[in-house]
Protein backbone atom coordinates (compact mmCIF):
# COMPACT_ATOMS: atom_id res chain seq x y z
CA MET A 1 -77.77 108.27 -138.60
CA ILE A 2 -76.37 104.77 -137.33
CA ASP A 3 -74.87 103.94 -133.94
CA LEU A 4 -71.67 102.62 -133.94
CA ASN A 5 -70.25 100.01 -131.53
CA VAL A 6 -67.06 100.87 -129.62
CA VAL A 7 -65.37 98.49 -126.88
CA VAL A 8 -62.59 100.29 -124.78
CA LEU A 9 -60.65 97.92 -122.80
CA PRO A 10 -58.45 100.22 -120.50
CA ALA A 11 -54.67 99.51 -120.16
CA PHE A 12 -53.97 98.16 -116.35
CA ASP A 13 -51.33 101.22 -115.66
CA GLN A 14 -53.47 104.12 -116.21
CA LYS A 15 -50.40 106.62 -114.53
CA ALA A 16 -48.25 105.32 -117.10
CA LYS A 17 -50.11 104.18 -120.18
CA ALA A 18 -48.86 104.88 -123.68
CA GLU A 19 -50.62 105.55 -126.83
CA PRO A 20 -53.73 103.12 -127.56
CA LEU A 21 -54.21 100.00 -130.04
CA PHE A 22 -57.15 100.67 -132.08
CA ASP A 23 -57.94 96.49 -133.40
CA LEU A 24 -59.03 96.51 -137.27
CA ALA A 25 -61.08 93.50 -138.17
CA GLY A 26 -60.99 91.07 -141.35
CA GLY A 27 -63.72 90.21 -143.92
CA PRO A 28 -64.61 93.04 -144.85
CA GLY A 29 -67.71 92.15 -142.96
CA ALA A 30 -66.22 90.90 -139.04
CA SER A 31 -66.93 92.20 -135.94
CA SER A 32 -64.09 93.72 -134.08
CA ALA A 33 -66.19 93.92 -131.09
CA ASP A 34 -65.80 90.03 -131.10
CA SER A 35 -61.91 90.31 -130.65
CA ALA A 36 -62.35 91.86 -126.89
CA GLY A 37 -62.52 88.66 -125.69
CA PHE A 38 -59.18 88.03 -126.99
CA TYR A 39 -57.77 91.13 -125.33
CA ALA A 40 -59.30 90.28 -121.97
CA GLY A 41 -57.93 87.10 -121.71
CA PRO A 42 -54.78 85.72 -124.22
CA GLY A 43 -54.07 88.62 -125.53
CA LYS A 44 -53.93 90.94 -122.27
CA ASP A 45 -50.50 91.35 -122.24
CA TYR A 46 -51.24 93.91 -124.76
CA ARG A 47 -53.20 95.98 -122.35
CA LEU A 48 -50.17 96.10 -120.00
CA ARG A 49 -49.61 100.08 -121.43
CA HIS A 50 -51.88 100.61 -123.80
CA ASP A 51 -55.77 100.82 -123.66
CA VAL A 52 -57.12 98.83 -127.16
CA VAL A 53 -60.18 100.31 -128.63
CA CYS A 54 -62.51 97.90 -130.69
CA VAL A 55 -64.58 99.56 -133.02
CA ASP A 56 -67.12 97.86 -135.07
CA GLN A 57 -66.95 99.44 -138.53
CA ARG A 58 -70.16 100.75 -140.50
CA GLY A 59 -72.07 97.54 -141.52
CA THR A 60 -70.36 94.81 -139.03
CA GLY A 61 -71.13 93.68 -135.69
CA LYS A 62 -73.43 96.13 -133.80
CA SER A 63 -72.70 98.88 -135.86
CA ASN A 64 -75.66 98.62 -138.47
CA ARG A 65 -75.00 94.96 -139.42
CA LEU A 66 -75.09 94.32 -143.22
CA ALA A 67 -76.49 90.79 -143.46
CA ILE A 68 -79.92 89.14 -143.20
CA PRO A 69 -81.04 85.92 -141.54
CA ARG A 70 -80.52 82.31 -143.78
CA GLU A 71 -81.21 78.83 -142.23
CA ARG A 72 -78.10 77.15 -142.03
CA THR A 73 -79.03 73.96 -143.50
CA PRO A 74 -76.96 71.19 -145.04
CA SER A 75 -77.53 72.63 -148.74
CA TYR A 76 -77.23 76.28 -147.32
CA TYR A 77 -73.36 75.04 -146.23
CA LEU A 78 -73.01 73.60 -150.29
CA SER A 79 -74.82 76.33 -152.12
CA GLU A 80 -72.99 78.97 -154.02
CA MET A 81 -71.37 82.05 -152.41
CA TYR A 82 -73.99 84.47 -153.91
CA PRO A 83 -76.98 83.01 -154.95
CA VAL A 84 -79.12 85.34 -157.42
CA ASP A 85 -82.22 85.17 -155.27
CA TYR A 86 -80.08 85.74 -152.44
CA VAL A 87 -78.43 89.05 -152.93
CA ARG A 88 -81.45 90.62 -154.48
CA GLU A 89 -83.27 89.94 -151.28
CA MET A 90 -80.29 90.87 -148.84
CA ARG A 91 -80.55 94.64 -150.92
CA HIS A 92 -84.17 94.74 -150.75
CA GLU A 93 -84.16 94.18 -147.26
CA LEU A 94 -80.89 96.28 -146.29
CA GLU A 95 -82.18 99.07 -148.04
CA LYS A 96 -85.00 99.70 -146.00
CA HIS A 97 -82.01 100.97 -143.17
CA ALA A 98 -79.13 101.72 -145.01
CA ASP A 99 -77.78 103.48 -148.13
CA LEU A 100 -75.47 100.75 -149.48
CA THR A 101 -73.28 103.00 -151.19
CA LYS A 102 -71.74 104.53 -147.75
CA TYR A 103 -69.96 101.69 -146.49
CA THR A 104 -66.63 101.83 -147.92
CA THR A 105 -63.17 101.57 -146.23
CA SER A 106 -62.38 105.25 -146.62
CA THR A 107 -65.65 106.42 -144.62
CA ALA A 108 -65.23 103.82 -142.08
CA MET A 109 -61.85 105.40 -141.38
CA ASP A 110 -63.18 109.06 -140.81
CA ASP A 111 -65.92 107.05 -138.61
CA LEU A 112 -62.68 105.68 -136.91
CA ASP A 113 -60.93 109.01 -136.68
CA ASP A 114 -64.08 110.75 -134.85
CA VAL A 115 -63.78 107.64 -132.12
CA ARG A 116 -60.46 108.42 -131.75
CA GLU A 117 -61.29 112.26 -130.76
CA TRP A 118 -63.97 111.59 -129.18
CA LEU A 119 -61.99 109.49 -127.03
CA GLY A 120 -59.67 112.01 -126.56
CA TYR A 121 -56.66 110.58 -128.36
CA ASP A 122 -54.07 111.88 -130.43
CA LYS A 123 -51.70 109.36 -131.79
CA ILE A 124 -52.81 105.72 -132.10
CA ASN A 125 -51.35 102.75 -132.88
CA LEU A 126 -53.37 100.81 -135.48
CA PHE A 127 -53.60 96.65 -135.83
CA GLY A 128 -55.31 95.37 -138.86
CA LEU A 129 -55.32 91.67 -139.66
CA SER A 130 -56.41 90.69 -143.34
CA TYR A 131 -58.93 93.38 -144.79
CA GLY A 132 -58.34 95.19 -141.66
CA THR A 133 -54.54 95.71 -142.89
CA ARG A 134 -56.39 97.73 -146.38
CA ALA A 135 -58.66 99.51 -143.21
CA ALA A 136 -55.09 100.44 -141.63
CA LEU A 137 -53.35 101.70 -144.78
CA VAL A 138 -56.34 103.64 -145.83
CA TYR A 139 -56.75 105.53 -142.35
CA MET A 140 -52.44 106.10 -142.61
CA ARG A 141 -53.48 107.79 -145.70
CA ARG A 142 -56.12 109.77 -144.44
CA HIS A 143 -55.24 110.16 -141.00
CA PRO A 144 -51.22 110.30 -141.29
CA GLU A 145 -51.04 112.52 -138.40
CA HIS A 146 -52.46 110.61 -136.03
CA VAL A 147 -50.96 107.67 -136.28
CA ARG A 148 -48.04 106.47 -133.96
CA SER A 149 -47.31 102.71 -135.60
CA ALA A 150 -49.32 100.05 -137.31
CA ILE A 151 -48.82 96.32 -137.05
CA LEU A 152 -50.52 94.80 -140.76
CA LEU A 153 -50.88 91.09 -140.54
CA ALA A 154 -51.82 89.07 -144.10
CA VAL A 155 -51.70 91.96 -145.85
CA ALA A 156 -54.60 92.86 -148.07
CA ALA A 157 -53.74 96.49 -150.07
CA THR A 158 -55.83 99.02 -151.68
CA ASP A 159 -54.98 97.54 -155.04
CA LEU A 160 -55.69 93.71 -154.65
CA LYS A 161 -58.87 94.02 -156.92
CA MET A 162 -60.33 91.02 -154.61
CA PRO A 163 -60.71 88.23 -155.67
CA LEU A 164 -59.06 88.57 -159.06
CA HIS A 165 -55.65 86.94 -157.11
CA HIS A 166 -57.27 84.12 -154.81
CA ALA A 167 -57.33 81.43 -157.00
CA GLU A 168 -53.57 81.76 -158.24
CA SER A 169 -52.69 82.36 -154.55
CA ALA A 170 -54.88 79.35 -153.94
CA ALA A 171 -52.87 77.28 -155.79
CA ARG A 172 -49.32 78.47 -154.91
CA ALA A 173 -50.58 77.57 -151.00
CA MET A 174 -51.88 74.19 -152.35
CA ASP A 175 -48.79 73.35 -154.19
CA LEU A 176 -47.06 73.98 -150.94
CA LEU A 177 -49.28 72.04 -148.97
CA LEU A 178 -49.25 68.98 -150.95
CA GLY A 179 -45.49 69.34 -151.05
CA GLU A 180 -45.68 69.39 -147.50
CA CYS A 181 -47.71 65.96 -147.17
CA GLU A 182 -45.36 64.38 -149.64
CA ARG A 183 -42.16 65.33 -147.78
CA ASP A 184 -44.11 64.00 -144.43
CA ALA A 185 -43.23 60.23 -144.07
CA ALA A 186 -46.81 59.41 -142.42
CA CYS A 187 -48.88 62.00 -144.87
CA HIS A 188 -46.85 60.34 -147.69
CA ALA A 189 -47.70 56.70 -146.86
CA ASN A 190 -51.34 57.11 -146.47
CA PHE A 191 -51.86 59.40 -149.45
CA PRO A 192 -48.79 58.50 -152.07
CA GLN A 193 -50.84 60.04 -154.92
CA ILE A 194 -52.15 62.96 -153.41
CA ARG A 195 -51.31 65.18 -156.52
CA ASP A 196 -52.97 62.59 -158.28
CA ASP A 197 -55.78 62.74 -156.19
CA TRP A 198 -56.35 66.45 -156.13
CA ASN A 199 -56.29 66.43 -160.02
CA ASN A 200 -58.95 63.28 -160.50
CA VAL A 201 -61.44 64.70 -157.64
CA LEU A 202 -61.43 68.22 -159.50
CA ALA A 203 -61.92 66.09 -162.98
CA GLN A 204 -64.73 64.16 -161.49
CA LEU A 205 -66.55 66.95 -160.57
CA GLU A 206 -66.28 68.74 -163.51
CA LYS A 207 -67.94 66.36 -165.47
CA GLN A 208 -71.10 65.86 -163.28
CA PRO A 209 -71.77 66.95 -159.66
CA ALA A 210 -71.25 64.42 -156.58
CA HIS A 211 -74.64 63.27 -155.15
CA VAL A 212 -74.41 62.09 -151.68
CA GLU A 213 -76.24 60.75 -148.53
CA TYR A 214 -75.37 63.12 -145.39
CA SER A 215 -76.39 62.03 -141.83
CA PRO A 216 -76.17 64.73 -139.02
CA PRO A 217 -73.38 63.42 -136.68
CA GLY A 218 -75.09 62.18 -133.32
CA LYS A 219 -78.46 63.24 -134.45
CA LYS A 220 -81.58 61.32 -134.88
CA ALA A 221 -82.47 63.47 -137.51
CA ALA A 222 -83.16 61.91 -141.19
CA SER A 223 -80.27 61.75 -143.87
CA THR A 224 -80.54 63.99 -146.75
CA ARG A 225 -78.93 64.42 -149.71
CA VAL A 226 -76.65 66.86 -150.97
CA GLU A 227 -75.09 68.24 -154.04
CA ILE A 228 -71.06 69.06 -153.92
CA GLN A 229 -70.46 71.36 -156.99
CA ARG A 230 -66.59 71.71 -158.66
CA GLY A 231 -66.46 75.02 -157.64
CA ILE A 232 -67.99 74.65 -153.99
CA PHE A 233 -65.40 72.18 -153.38
CA ALA A 234 -62.46 73.74 -154.31
CA GLU A 235 -63.58 77.04 -152.38
CA LYS A 236 -64.12 75.33 -149.29
CA ILE A 237 -60.88 73.52 -149.41
CA ARG A 238 -59.34 77.05 -150.52
CA SER A 239 -61.16 78.71 -147.13
CA TRP A 240 -59.51 75.53 -145.03
CA MET A 241 -56.20 76.66 -145.86
CA TYR A 242 -56.62 79.75 -144.24
CA ASP A 243 -55.98 77.88 -140.55
CA ARG A 244 -53.41 75.29 -140.45
CA SER A 245 -55.57 72.97 -138.09
CA LYS A 246 -57.97 72.77 -140.98
CA ALA A 247 -55.76 72.84 -143.34
CA ALA A 248 -53.75 69.61 -142.01
CA ARG A 249 -57.06 67.76 -142.79
CA ILE A 250 -57.29 68.45 -146.42
CA PRO A 251 -55.18 65.52 -147.94
CA LEU A 252 -57.62 62.94 -146.00
CA ILE A 253 -60.58 64.67 -147.08
CA VAL A 254 -58.90 65.37 -151.16
CA HIS A 255 -57.80 61.60 -150.88
CA HIS A 256 -61.32 59.78 -149.52
CA ALA A 257 -63.08 62.28 -152.29
CA ALA A 258 -60.91 61.23 -155.01
CA SER A 259 -62.27 57.21 -154.84
CA GLY A 260 -65.86 58.70 -154.43
CA ASP A 261 -66.47 59.13 -150.26
CA PHE A 262 -67.42 62.37 -149.94
CA ALA A 263 -67.47 61.90 -146.17
CA PRO A 264 -64.44 63.85 -144.42
CA PHE A 265 -65.13 66.49 -146.46
CA LEU A 266 -68.92 66.93 -145.61
CA LYS A 267 -67.89 66.74 -141.96
CA GLU A 268 -65.83 69.57 -142.46
CA ALA A 269 -67.78 71.37 -144.90
CA ILE A 270 -71.21 71.27 -142.89
CA GLY A 271 -70.71 73.48 -139.96
CA PRO A 272 -69.94 76.95 -139.09
CA SER A 273 -67.05 78.56 -141.21
CA ILE A 274 -65.59 82.01 -141.98
CA PRO A 275 -68.02 83.20 -144.46
CA ASP A 276 -70.84 82.94 -141.58
CA PHE A 277 -68.98 85.51 -139.13
CA VAL A 278 -68.73 88.21 -142.24
CA ALA A 279 -71.64 90.38 -143.22
CA ASP A 280 -72.41 90.09 -146.58
CA GLY A 281 -73.54 93.22 -147.34
CA MET A 282 -70.89 94.95 -145.88
CA TYR A 283 -68.77 92.74 -147.89
CA LEU A 284 -70.22 93.60 -150.92
CA SER A 285 -70.21 97.26 -150.30
CA VAL A 286 -67.07 96.93 -150.05
CA THR A 287 -65.81 95.23 -152.60
CA CYS A 288 -68.22 96.30 -155.01
CA ALA A 289 -66.79 99.86 -154.68
CA GLU A 290 -62.97 99.22 -154.68
CA ASP A 291 -61.96 95.65 -156.26
CA VAL A 292 -64.63 93.94 -158.58
CA PRO A 293 -64.85 97.25 -160.82
CA PHE A 294 -61.44 97.41 -161.62
CA ILE A 295 -61.11 93.43 -162.56
CA ASP A 296 -60.53 93.10 -166.27
CA GLN A 297 -62.86 89.70 -167.04
CA ASP A 298 -60.78 88.44 -169.96
CA GLU A 299 -57.94 89.38 -167.81
CA ALA A 300 -59.53 87.12 -165.11
CA THR A 301 -60.53 84.20 -167.46
CA GLN A 302 -56.88 83.92 -169.09
CA LEU A 303 -55.27 84.29 -165.40
CA ASN A 304 -57.46 81.33 -163.72
CA ALA A 305 -58.06 79.39 -166.90
CA ASP A 306 -55.57 76.29 -165.94
CA ASN A 307 -56.01 76.57 -161.97
CA PRO A 308 -57.51 74.22 -160.14
CA PHE A 309 -59.72 76.99 -158.21
CA GLY A 310 -60.75 78.00 -161.55
CA ASN A 311 -62.68 81.50 -161.69
CA TYR A 312 -65.47 80.95 -159.50
CA ARG A 313 -64.74 83.62 -156.84
CA VAL A 314 -64.55 86.38 -159.77
CA PHE A 315 -67.71 85.20 -161.41
CA GLN A 316 -69.94 85.10 -158.08
CA GLN A 317 -68.78 88.51 -157.06
CA THR A 318 -68.83 90.05 -160.06
CA ARG A 319 -72.74 89.01 -160.55
CA ALA A 320 -73.16 89.89 -156.97
CA CYS A 321 -71.63 93.26 -157.54
CA GLY A 322 -74.01 93.53 -160.89
CA MET A 323 -77.02 93.57 -158.39
CA TRP A 324 -75.49 95.64 -155.61
CA PRO A 325 -74.87 99.57 -155.67
CA ARG A 326 -72.04 100.86 -155.74
CA GLY A 327 -70.12 103.27 -153.65
CA GLU A 328 -67.68 106.16 -154.27
CA ILE A 329 -64.13 105.90 -153.42
CA PRO A 330 -61.21 108.91 -153.60
CA ALA A 331 -59.14 109.01 -157.03
CA ASP A 332 -56.02 107.75 -155.47
CA PHE A 333 -57.43 104.97 -153.46
CA LEU A 334 -55.68 102.36 -155.77
CA GLU A 335 -52.45 104.04 -154.80
CA PRO A 336 -49.56 102.44 -152.61
CA VAL A 337 -49.89 104.38 -149.38
CA ARG A 338 -46.72 105.96 -148.21
CA LEU A 339 -46.16 107.29 -144.43
CA ASN A 340 -42.78 107.26 -142.08
CA ALA A 341 -44.02 105.81 -139.40
CA PRO A 342 -42.86 102.64 -137.89
CA VAL A 343 -44.88 99.62 -139.73
CA LEU A 344 -44.65 96.05 -138.58
CA ILE A 345 -45.90 93.86 -141.57
CA PHE A 346 -46.51 90.04 -140.74
CA SER A 347 -47.23 87.29 -143.61
CA GLY A 348 -47.74 83.79 -143.90
CA ASN A 349 -46.05 81.75 -146.37
CA ILE A 350 -48.70 78.99 -146.87
CA ASP A 351 -51.53 82.10 -147.19
CA PRO A 352 -53.92 81.38 -149.53
CA VAL A 353 -54.90 84.94 -150.46
CA THR A 354 -52.55 87.07 -149.15
CA PRO A 355 -49.25 85.24 -149.87
CA PRO A 356 -45.90 87.11 -148.38
CA LYS A 357 -45.62 89.00 -152.03
CA TYR A 358 -48.23 91.38 -151.17
CA GLY A 359 -46.33 92.28 -147.70
CA GLU A 360 -43.59 92.82 -149.62
CA GLU A 361 -45.10 95.22 -151.86
CA VAL A 362 -46.61 97.33 -149.30
CA ALA A 363 -43.48 97.41 -147.46
CA LYS A 364 -41.74 98.96 -150.49
CA HIS A 365 -43.54 102.42 -149.50
CA LEU A 366 -43.04 102.10 -146.04
CA PRO A 367 -39.47 103.22 -145.09
CA ASN A 368 -39.68 102.31 -141.44
CA SER A 369 -41.37 99.04 -142.13
CA LYS A 370 -39.90 95.28 -141.16
CA HIS A 371 -41.88 92.86 -143.24
CA ILE A 372 -41.26 88.90 -140.97
CA ILE A 373 -42.42 86.00 -142.84
CA VAL A 374 -43.74 82.87 -140.83
CA PRO A 375 -42.86 80.09 -143.14
CA GLU A 376 -45.21 77.28 -142.18
CA ALA A 377 -48.38 79.87 -141.35
CA GLY A 378 -51.50 80.47 -143.54
CA HIS A 379 -53.48 83.36 -143.44
CA GLY A 380 -52.55 84.17 -139.61
CA VAL A 381 -51.27 82.14 -137.31
CA ASP A 382 -54.65 79.50 -136.48
CA GLY A 383 -53.38 76.12 -135.75
CA MET A 384 -49.88 76.75 -135.00
CA THR A 385 -47.66 76.08 -132.21
CA ASP A 386 -46.67 78.90 -129.92
CA PRO A 387 -49.01 81.60 -131.74
CA GLY A 388 -48.25 83.77 -128.98
CA CYS A 389 -44.71 84.19 -130.49
CA ILE A 390 -46.22 87.09 -133.18
CA ASP A 391 -48.09 88.83 -130.20
CA ARG A 392 -44.54 89.11 -128.09
CA ILE A 393 -43.07 90.70 -130.78
CA ALA A 394 -46.08 92.98 -131.78
CA ILE A 395 -45.91 94.20 -128.05
CA GLY A 396 -42.41 94.58 -128.06
CA PHE A 397 -42.66 96.80 -131.54
CA LEU A 398 -45.50 98.83 -130.05
CA ASP A 399 -43.29 99.44 -126.47
CA LYS A 400 -40.53 100.36 -128.59
CA GLY A 401 -42.06 102.21 -131.55
CA ASP A 402 -39.60 101.23 -133.70
CA ALA A 403 -39.19 97.88 -136.05
CA LYS A 404 -35.94 97.71 -136.02
CA ASN A 405 -33.90 95.38 -133.70
CA LEU A 406 -36.54 93.50 -132.38
CA ASP A 407 -36.07 89.39 -131.16
CA VAL A 408 -37.99 87.44 -133.99
CA SER A 409 -36.34 84.44 -133.45
CA CYS A 410 -39.34 82.36 -132.16
CA VAL A 411 -41.13 83.01 -135.30
CA ASP A 412 -38.71 80.37 -137.13
CA LYS A 413 -39.85 77.55 -134.27
CA MET A 414 -43.44 77.88 -134.83
CA ALA A 415 -44.87 74.96 -136.44
CA PRO A 416 -48.06 73.39 -138.01
CA PRO A 417 -49.81 70.39 -136.51
CA PRO A 418 -49.50 67.02 -137.94
CA PHE A 419 -51.26 65.51 -140.81
CA VAL A 420 -54.50 64.14 -140.44
CA THR A 421 -54.37 60.72 -141.89
CA LYS A 422 -57.32 58.87 -140.10
């Protein structure tokens, strides 16, 4: 038995409150309870008429988090995703207090339903971000009678086979981003050959990794020599496209790196990033059961052969899953989820991991859904002007319980930050 960490933020109007909103975090491996600060502050309008419930999914946050400590050295931030020794050590340590086959999405969504019942709610609203959308879809399939509505932001469907299409989606986003730079007067003036720069730096790193001196900012610590490998360089670039404020620095980073100056790259790369918030063991327990076993390795090699982001992620995760116990999933897990409840779907057009076509595909099987594409957004709306636009639409949807006739005019006015040129 493990404890589940549950945070309930009560509605401001307890007498006239409607059905609660259950928050489902991304990753897999991020903590939902970490979102409580948002609902207590900038997102408090969600609570005008709804309790908000944040449940740390088993394996995340304070619900028996599946992770082991790692020293955050410069070389750590530039290491491969799943070094063999690290995966072996993590499994050895975590199996002392966890059955690693019991952390699948289906099991976790049965947990969520236990929490719903324990708190005395009948029908609930779901809000999933990224992997949280998969979790929401699985809950919708397993407990349809308790779903009032769902909001899905950056859709990762049950049949996504992560990370088979990561490189493909990233190449599309990178093409769009570099196109924006070419059309932007300041970006184009400073980086007139940005596509050549991108191709050149990858070609150089393909021949041999870069070895450069790194000096910690503002510290008297001695500089250290670090190695930058091609796959890791490209993966960092891919992850920065999630957030438009980080994406705004990519042309500058690429341009400097193409001439052998990796200082702007290291400034961004060595420091907290998305993987730091994800419980690696939880990530593997989910993807090694639900995704990687269904990847055809020959198909992956062929699909990613001429891709700037390559087959790096497929290789890393396939190797790690070869050392990780595999949980069982329902026979219909990869099938599309069908439900008549109202569903609101958001996609960012420049999303490097869950592009709009995934939202479109999921929407086909949800007859009462509405799919909104945010033209300039990445994986979510981080870095965009007026991010509250999405929240206003979502709250309007929650209050109406219907995806029709929503005012979505603010979406087209959302803009990314200007490109950083110095």
